Amino acid sequence: MDSRVTPLPHPSERTPPPLRSSHKWTGVLLVVAGVAFGFLLGQGATGDPSPIDTESAEAVTSTSAPADPVVTSEPPAEDVMRFPGTILASVEFGRGLMTWPGDGSPAETRLASKVSDAAYDAAQRQIAVTVPEYGTERLALHVGKVGDLRFVASRVTGFAWHPTDHSAIAWVEESAGGFALLQADVSDGQITTTQITVLQDTVRPVAWGSWGYALQSESGLTTIDPSGATIANADVQFVAAGSDGRLVVSRPAGIPLSSDWAITTTGLADQQALGRFGALNEHPTAAAILPDSGRIVLVSNRFGDGSDLARIEVLSADGTREAVIRSGMIADSIAWSPDEAHLAVGGYYYGSNQVRSVVLLTDSEGKGEAIEVPFDDQVRPLGIRSGINDPW
């Protein structure tokens, strides 16, 4: 099946909204802010803050990244849009987190410190983020609800959630003997930690499960069994992992990703090329192996032949192509719903010296009509929840 995207009618019928980073109105905003501030001082007016998150009205609690909740005075373009489900996303390159139900308005929590990485657990109940510690380049790990994050670990290189156990998370942190790989249960507000092994090289965890752990370094990918023993090393870059230990990798290791992608196992020796890139200047950007169904989703952009840019290919667990979805955007990320029914593909459009961020929503089989949801700010989807407003 090969389908093309139908954007939502609102953005396609009007000029894309201007970027929020524009300085055109800076002077006017300062004047208005000054007048408003003076009025409040004169009147002694006070008021209760409006809730800024559907899950919690509190600001993000963090020892290294206090939050600065922001409620915009003018409703952004998103407010008038309607779409199925609820989009979870990071905004403005990690400066905030957003929850947007498709039958309501987006709720955004701004962070005082830029998020280095963010990901929801398998059930999309908790979010984990890494943020810089005060005055350093070291990263701290925080876990919790949006609006109520709690400190977990310091000096971390990265983290990865378990693909099916929503309370299990793993991370690597600096230790006296090198870099310690730890696993923890973070359910019910408790943190129970187990050390798996200590490594000498700088690595970051990119995936794990009952099969073991995948750790990425500048020189390649290392797999470790559940006891901490090394399984294999290879000169590849991690792209995606399945709950059964299958891995999608890019060859060789390095950034940006090459177009030579393969699917392999924890042994990293039997690498079967995904022969989908080549003559048409295909540039892969993201992939996913859905934990329960094993379905593989490959995201790439095609340049140079005048066709639609983004291609989202849906493959069955055995690699059989089930659907191809095309879009005019440039795609760069992917997320999915806990029940694996929906996919959210992040991307953007260039036009009129502006960049407009969009999230493409589709069913995970690629059979339904895909739609694109526009955003005023740069966003990266972290998840998509089903809801009562969801007809799929």
Protein backbone atom coordinates (compact mmCIF):
# COMPACT_ATOMS: atom_id res chain seq x y z
CA MET A 1 0.00 0.00 0.00
CA ASP A 2 1.37 3.40 -0.99
CA SER A 3 -0.51 6.40 0.40
CA ARG A 4 -0.03 10.14 0.57
CA VAL A 5 -0.74 12.45 3.45
CA THR A 6 -3.79 14.68 3.71
CA PRO A 7 -2.86 17.69 5.89
CA LEU A 8 -5.46 19.11 8.25
CA PRO A 9 -7.51 21.78 6.45
CA HIS A 10 -6.63 24.70 8.70
CA PRO A 11 -2.93 25.15 7.88
CA SER A 12 -3.33 24.28 4.21
CA GLU A 13 -5.75 27.17 3.70
CA ARG A 14 -3.63 29.89 5.16
CA THR A 15 -0.08 31.19 5.36
CA PRO A 16 2.02 29.27 7.93
CA PRO A 17 2.27 31.07 11.29
CA PRO A 18 5.41 33.12 11.92
CA LEU A 19 8.17 31.72 14.09
CA ARG A 20 8.02 32.66 17.76
CA SER A 21 11.70 33.51 17.60
CA SER A 22 11.04 36.54 15.41
CA HIS A 23 12.30 39.82 16.91
CA LYS A 24 9.88 42.00 14.98
CA TRP A 25 7.58 42.61 17.92
CA THR A 26 10.17 42.68 20.69
CA GLY A 27 9.87 46.42 21.35
CA VAL A 28 6.09 46.36 21.36
CA LEU A 29 6.03 43.42 23.75
CA LEU A 30 8.40 45.15 26.16
CA VAL A 31 6.20 48.26 26.22
CA VAL A 32 3.05 46.24 26.76
CA ALA A 33 4.74 44.21 29.49
CA GLY A 34 5.87 47.40 31.24
CA VAL A 35 2.40 48.93 31.18
CA ALA A 36 0.83 45.74 32.45
CA PHE A 37 3.39 45.43 35.25
CA GLY A 38 2.79 49.02 36.34
CA PHE A 39 -0.95 48.49 36.36
CA LEU A 40 -0.64 45.44 38.56
CA LEU A 41 1.58 47.28 41.02
CA GLY A 42 -0.87 50.14 41.19
CA GLN A 43 -3.89 47.91 41.72
CA GLY A 44 -2.22 45.38 43.99
CA ALA A 45 -3.88 42.69 41.91
CA THR A 46 -3.14 39.05 42.51
CA GLY A 47 -4.57 35.89 41.03
CA ASP A 48 -4.21 32.13 40.98
CA PRO A 49 -2.09 30.70 38.18
CA SER A 50 -3.78 28.65 35.52
CA PRO A 51 -2.83 24.98 35.27
CA ILE A 52 -0.28 24.42 32.52
CA ASP A 53 -0.37 20.64 32.24
CA THR A 54 -3.22 18.17 31.99
CA GLU A 55 -1.37 15.77 34.29
CA SER A 56 -0.15 18.24 36.91
CA ALA A 57 -0.63 21.93 37.59
CA GLU A 58 2.72 22.10 39.40
CA ALA A 59 5.93 23.33 37.84
CA VAL A 60 8.64 20.83 37.03
CA THR A 61 10.43 20.01 40.27
CA SER A 62 14.11 19.41 39.65
CA THR A 63 17.32 20.11 41.53
CA SER A 64 19.08 20.98 38.30
CA ALA A 65 16.28 22.18 36.01
CA PRO A 66 13.62 24.27 37.74
CA ALA A 67 10.65 24.99 35.55
CA ASP A 68 9.31 28.26 34.31
CA PRO A 69 5.67 27.66 33.37
CA VAL A 70 4.54 29.76 30.43
CA VAL A 71 0.99 30.51 29.33
CA THR A 72 0.89 32.47 26.07
CA SER A 73 -1.40 35.50 25.96
CA GLU A 74 -2.42 34.82 22.38
CA PRO A 75 -3.66 31.34 21.45
CA PRO A 76 -1.23 29.68 19.00
CA ALA A 77 -2.35 28.09 15.76
CA GLU A 78 -2.53 24.70 17.51
CA ASP A 79 -5.52 25.82 19.62
CA VAL A 80 -7.92 25.70 16.68
CA MET A 81 -6.80 22.30 15.40
CA ARG A 82 -8.58 19.01 16.06
CA PHE A 83 -7.09 15.55 15.60
CA PRO A 84 -7.43 12.04 17.09
CA GLY A 85 -5.56 11.06 20.24
CA THR A 86 -3.13 13.08 22.39
CA ILE A 87 0.34 14.17 21.25
CA LEU A 88 3.21 14.18 23.74
CA ALA A 89 6.22 16.22 22.61
CA SER A 90 9.28 18.21 23.51
CA VAL A 91 9.31 21.80 22.23
CA GLU A 92 11.92 24.34 21.15
CA PHE A 93 14.85 21.92 21.09
CA GLY A 94 14.23 20.65 24.61
CA ARG A 95 13.26 23.89 26.35
CA GLY A 96 9.84 22.55 27.27
CA LEU A 97 7.41 19.62 27.28
CA MET A 98 3.92 19.59 25.76
CA THR A 99 0.77 17.51 26.21
CA TRP A 100 -1.87 18.23 23.57
CA PRO A 101 -5.20 16.38 23.47
CA GLY A 102 -6.62 16.58 19.97
CA ASP A 103 -10.03 17.70 21.22
CA GLY A 104 -8.59 20.41 23.48
CA SER A 105 -5.73 22.88 23.81
CA PRO A 106 -1.99 22.20 24.23
CA ALA A 107 -0.55 22.45 27.75
CA GLU A 108 3.12 23.37 27.81
CA THR A 109 5.68 23.30 30.62
CA ARG A 110 8.83 25.34 30.02
CA LEU A 111 12.13 24.32 31.61
CA ALA A 112 14.83 26.66 32.84
CA SER A 113 17.48 24.25 31.57
CA LYS A 114 17.53 22.67 28.13
CA VAL A 115 16.65 18.98 28.08
CA SER A 116 19.41 16.87 26.55
CA ASP A 117 17.15 13.86 26.06
CA ALA A 118 13.57 12.93 26.95
CA ALA A 119 11.52 9.75 26.61
CA TYR A 120 8.32 8.29 27.99
CA ASP A 121 8.10 4.80 29.50
CA ALA A 122 6.35 1.95 27.71
CA ALA A 123 2.95 2.96 29.10
CA GLN A 124 3.61 6.70 28.64
CA ARG A 125 2.84 7.29 32.31
CA GLN A 126 6.23 8.70 33.34
CA ILE A 127 8.86 10.67 31.50
CA ALA A 128 12.63 10.55 31.97
CA VAL A 129 14.83 13.52 31.08
CA THR A 130 18.51 14.34 31.26
CA VAL A 131 19.42 17.97 31.93
CA PRO A 132 22.72 19.75 32.66
CA GLU A 133 23.64 20.04 36.32
CA TYR A 134 24.08 23.60 37.54
CA GLY A 135 27.24 25.23 36.19
CA THR A 136 28.58 22.06 34.54
CA GLU A 137 28.31 20.04 31.38
CA ARG A 138 27.46 16.91 33.37
CA LEU A 139 23.97 15.48 33.01
CA ALA A 140 21.48 14.56 35.71
CA LEU A 141 18.64 12.06 35.26
CA HIS A 142 15.12 12.93 36.45
CA VAL A 143 11.99 10.77 36.29
CA GLY A 144 8.32 11.43 37.00
CA LYS A 145 5.23 13.14 35.69
CA VAL A 146 5.44 16.27 33.58
CA GLY A 147 5.25 18.93 36.26
CA ASP A 148 6.65 16.69 39.00
CA LEU A 149 10.08 15.33 38.07
CA ARG A 150 12.35 13.89 40.75
CA PHE A 151 16.12 13.47 40.78
CA VAL A 152 17.42 9.93 40.14
CA ALA A 153 21.14 10.07 39.29
CA SER A 154 24.04 12.40 38.59
CA ARG A 155 26.89 12.31 36.04
CA VAL A 156 24.92 10.14 33.62
CA THR A 157 25.77 9.57 29.96
CA GLY A 158 22.27 8.51 28.95
CA PHE A 159 19.29 6.27 29.75
CA ALA A 160 16.86 3.81 28.17
CA TRP A 161 13.44 2.58 29.25
CA HIS A 162 12.52 -1.10 29.15
CA PRO A 163 10.39 -1.73 26.03
CA THR A 164 7.49 -3.42 27.85
CA ASP A 165 7.98 -2.90 31.63
CA HIS A 166 6.89 0.70 32.22
CA SER A 167 8.60 0.94 35.62
CA ALA A 168 12.05 -0.29 34.55
CA ILE A 169 14.82 2.04 33.40
CA ALA A 170 18.57 1.68 32.85
CA TRP A 171 21.32 4.30 32.72
CA VAL A 172 25.11 4.69 32.76
CA GLU A 173 26.81 7.00 35.25
CA GLU A 174 30.40 7.92 36.00
CA SER A 175 31.87 5.91 38.88
CA ALA A 176 35.23 5.49 40.61
CA GLY A 177 36.10 2.49 38.45
CA GLY A 178 34.82 3.80 35.12
CA PHE A 179 31.21 3.91 33.91
CA ALA A 180 28.60 1.93 35.80
CA LEU A 181 25.60 0.41 34.06
CA LEU A 182 22.62 0.42 36.42
CA GLN A 183 19.04 -0.79 36.26
CA ALA A 184 16.22 0.48 38.45
CA ASP A 185 12.54 0.12 39.24
CA VAL A 186 10.94 3.56 39.54
CA SER A 187 7.35 2.62 40.31
CA ASP A 188 5.23 4.09 43.12
CA GLY A 189 7.71 6.84 43.87
CA GLN A 190 10.39 4.36 44.93
CA ILE A 191 13.77 3.83 43.25
CA THR A 192 15.34 0.39 43.61
CA THR A 193 18.72 0.25 41.84
CA THR A 194 20.87 -2.70 40.74
CA GLN A 195 24.38 -2.36 39.29
CA ILE A 196 24.90 -4.61 36.25
CA THR A 197 28.56 -3.99 35.41
CA VAL A 198 31.28 -1.33 35.19
CA LEU A 199 32.84 -0.44 31.84
CA GLN A 200 36.10 1.35 31.14
CA ASP A 201 34.99 3.25 28.04
CA THR A 202 32.46 6.05 27.80
CA VAL A 203 29.18 4.52 26.64
CA ARG A 204 25.51 5.39 26.78
CA PRO A 205 22.65 2.89 26.96
CA VAL A 206 20.43 2.97 23.88
CA ALA A 207 18.22 -0.09 24.44
CA TRP A 208 17.73 -3.05 26.75
CA GLY A 209 15.33 -5.84 27.62
CA SER A 210 15.27 -9.47 28.72
CA TRP A 211 17.93 -10.11 26.08
CA GLY A 212 20.48 -7.74 27.64
CA TYR A 213 21.77 -4.24 26.94
CA ALA A 214 22.97 -2.23 23.92
CA LEU A 215 25.57 0.45 24.64
CA GLN A 216 26.75 3.04 22.10
CA SER A 217 30.19 4.65 22.01
CA GLU A 218 32.00 6.74 19.42
CA SER A 219 33.74 3.62 18.13
CA GLY A 220 30.63 1.44 17.78
CA LEU A 221 27.96 -0.62 19.49
CA THR A 222 28.47 -3.09 22.36
CA THR A 223 25.93 -5.66 23.49
CA ILE A 224 25.92 -7.11 27.02
CA ASP A 225 23.94 -10.03 28.39
CA PRO A 226 21.71 -9.67 31.50
CA SER A 227 24.57 -10.79 33.79
CA GLY A 228 26.87 -8.01 32.52
CA ALA A 229 29.10 -10.12 30.27
CA THR A 230 29.98 -8.68 26.86
CA ILE A 231 28.29 -10.41 23.91
CA ALA A 232 29.75 -8.54 20.94
CA ASN A 233 31.19 -5.30 19.56
CA ALA A 234 30.67 -3.89 16.06
CA ASP A 235 31.42 -0.75 14.08
CA VAL A 236 27.77 0.23 13.75
CA GLN A 237 25.45 3.00 14.97
CA PHE A 238 22.29 2.11 16.88
CA VAL A 239 18.99 3.13 15.25
CA ALA A 240 16.23 1.04 16.88
CA ALA A 241 15.63 -2.07 18.98
CA GLY A 242 12.84 -4.59 19.45
CA SER A 243 11.80 -6.28 22.66
CA ASP A 244 13.12 -9.57 21.23
CA GLY A 245 16.69 -8.26 20.84
CA ARG A 246 16.53 -7.43 17.13
CA LEU A 247 18.45 -4.27 16.30
CA VAL A 248 18.35 -1.85 13.38
CA VAL A 249 21.84 -0.41 12.88
CA SER A 250 23.57 2.01 10.53
CA ARG A 251 26.97 1.09 9.11
CA PRO A 252 29.59 2.25 9.94
CA ALA A 253 29.29 4.00 13.32
CA GLY A 254 29.10 7.78 13.22
CA ILE A 255 26.84 10.77 12.76
CA PRO A 256 25.15 11.61 10.49
CA LEU A 257 23.64 8.21 9.85
CA SER A 258 24.73 6.48 6.66
CA SER A 259 22.18 5.04 4.24
CA ASP A 260 23.53 1.51 4.78
CA TRP A 261 21.09 0.11 7.33
CA ALA A 262 20.83 -3.49 8.52
CA ILE A 263 18.81 -5.57 10.92
CA THR A 264 20.72 -7.84 13.28
CA THR A 265 20.62 -9.50 16.70
CA THR A 266 22.62 -9.06 19.90
CA GLY A 267 25.46 -11.08 18.36
CA LEU A 268 25.91 -8.25 15.80
CA ALA A 269 27.49 -10.71 13.32
CA ASP A 270 24.57 -11.63 11.07
CA GLN A 271 23.66 -8.22 9.65
CA GLN A 272 21.00 -8.38 6.95
CA ALA A 273 20.98 -5.25 4.82
CA LEU A 274 17.73 -3.35 4.52
CA GLY A 275 17.94 -2.84 0.77
CA ARG A 276 15.75 0.20 0.50
CA PHE A 277 18.16 3.10 -0.03
CA GLY A 278 20.31 3.91 -3.02
CA ALA A 279 19.49 5.13 -6.50
CA LEU A 280 16.87 7.68 -5.46
CA ASN A 281 19.06 9.50 -2.92
CA GLU A 282 17.21 8.14 0.09
CA HIS A 283 18.38 9.55 3.43
CA PRO A 284 17.21 7.53 6.48
CA THR A 285 16.57 9.47 9.68
CA ALA A 286 14.68 7.26 12.17
CA ALA A 287 13.27 3.79 12.75
CA ALA A 288 11.26 1.78 15.26
CA ILE A 289 10.59 -1.88 16.04
CA LEU A 290 7.25 -1.98 17.83
CA PRO A 291 7.65 -4.02 21.06
CA ASP A 292 4.59 -6.27 20.87
CA SER A 293 3.86 -6.79 17.17
CA GLY A 294 7.49 -6.67 16.04
CA ARG A 295 6.43 -4.45 13.12
CA ILE A 296 9.30 -2.37 11.71
CA VAL A 297 8.84 1.30 10.74
CA LEU A 298 11.53 3.04 8.68
CA VAL A 299 11.58 6.82 8.18
CA SER A 300 13.63 8.53 5.48
CA ASN A 301 13.70 11.56 3.18
CA ARG A 302 14.09 11.41 -0.58
CA PHE A 303 15.89 14.22 -2.38
CA GLY A 304 16.66 14.98 -6.00
CA ASP A 305 13.82 13.32 -7.93
CA GLY A 306 11.01 15.83 -7.42
CA SER A 307 8.85 13.46 -5.38
CA ASP A 308 7.45 13.96 -1.90
CA LEU A 309 10.30 14.16 0.59
CA ALA A 310 9.38 11.97 3.55
CA ARG A 311 8.78 8.23 3.22
CA ILE A 312 7.47 6.14 6.10
CA GLU A 313 7.69 2.43 5.32
CA VAL A 314 5.82 -0.08 7.45
CA LEU A 315 7.20 -3.64 7.41
CA SER A 316 5.86 -6.76 9.05
CA ALA A 317 7.97 -8.53 11.68
CA ASP A 318 9.48 -10.73 8.96
CA GLY A 319 10.43 -7.72 6.82
CA THR A 320 7.58 -7.82 4.30
CA ARG A 321 6.58 -4.32 3.17
CA GLU A 322 2.99 -3.56 4.23
CA ALA A 323 2.63 0.12 3.41
CA VAL A 324 4.44 3.26 2.28
CA ILE A 325 3.28 6.71 3.44
CA ARG A 326 4.56 9.80 1.63
CA SER A 327 4.61 13.40 2.81
CA GLY A 328 5.98 16.72 1.61
CA MET A 329 7.67 17.40 4.95
CA ILE A 330 11.24 16.57 5.94
CA ALA A 331 10.90 13.84 8.59
CA ASP A 332 13.33 13.51 11.51
CA SER A 333 11.80 11.44 14.37
CA ILE A 334 9.19 8.83 15.28
CA ALA A 335 7.10 7.78 18.29
CA TRP A 336 4.19 5.41 18.82
CA SER A 337 1.27 4.76 21.15
CA PRO A 338 1.47 2.20 23.99
CA ASP A 339 -1.10 -0.01 22.23
CA GLU A 340 0.94 0.33 18.99
CA ALA A 341 -2.17 1.46 17.11
CA HIS A 342 -0.78 4.89 16.13
CA LEU A 343 2.45 6.40 14.89
CA ALA A 344 3.60 10.01 15.30
CA VAL A 345 6.32 11.12 12.87
CA GLY A 346 7.99 14.48 13.50
CA GLY A 347 9.23 16.77 10.76
CA TYR A 348 9.14 20.25 9.29
CA TYR A 349 8.52 22.35 6.17
CA TYR A 350 10.62 25.14 4.72
CA GLY A 351 8.81 28.08 3.20
CA SER A 352 8.86 31.89 3.06
CA ASN A 353 12.11 31.95 5.06
CA GLN A 354 10.34 30.08 7.85
CA VAL A 355 10.46 26.58 9.27
CA ARG A 356 7.09 25.12 10.28
CA SER A 357 7.13 22.07 12.53
CA VAL A 358 4.56 19.31 11.98
CA VAL A 359 3.67 15.90 13.41
CA LEU A 360 2.24 13.32 11.03
CA LEU A 361 -0.30 10.96 12.63
CA THR A 362 -1.17 7.59 11.11
CA ASP A 363 -2.18 4.10 12.16
CA SER A 364 0.70 1.68 12.63
CA GLU A 365 -0.39 -0.49 9.70
CA GLY A 366 -0.32 2.45 7.32
CA LYS A 367 -3.82 1.67 6.05
CA GLY A 368 -5.77 4.69 7.28
CA GLU A 369 -5.61 8.29 6.11
CA ALA A 370 -2.61 10.10 7.56
CA ILE A 371 -2.93 13.68 8.74
CA GLU A 372 -0.39 16.37 9.59
CA VAL A 373 -0.71 18.55 12.69
CA PRO A 374 1.11 21.94 12.47
CA PHE A 375 2.88 23.61 15.40
CA ASP A 376 3.97 27.18 15.99
CA ASP A 377 7.17 26.00 17.75
CA GLN A 378 9.75 23.37 16.92
CA VAL A 379 8.58 20.03 18.33
CA ARG A 380 9.71 16.41 18.52
CA PRO A 381 7.01 13.81 19.24
CA LEU A 382 7.68 11.65 22.31
CA GLY A 383 4.45 9.67 22.18
CA ILE A 384 0.85 9.51 21.01
CA ARG A 385 -1.98 8.35 23.27
CA SER A 386 -5.33 6.98 22.19
CA GLY A 387 -8.34 8.79 23.58
CA ILE A 388 -12.10 9.16 23.54
CA ASN A 389 -11.67 11.50 20.58
CA ASP A 390 -9.87 8.78 18.61
CA PRO A 391 -11.87 7.28 15.70
CA TRP A 392 -9.09 4.94 14.53
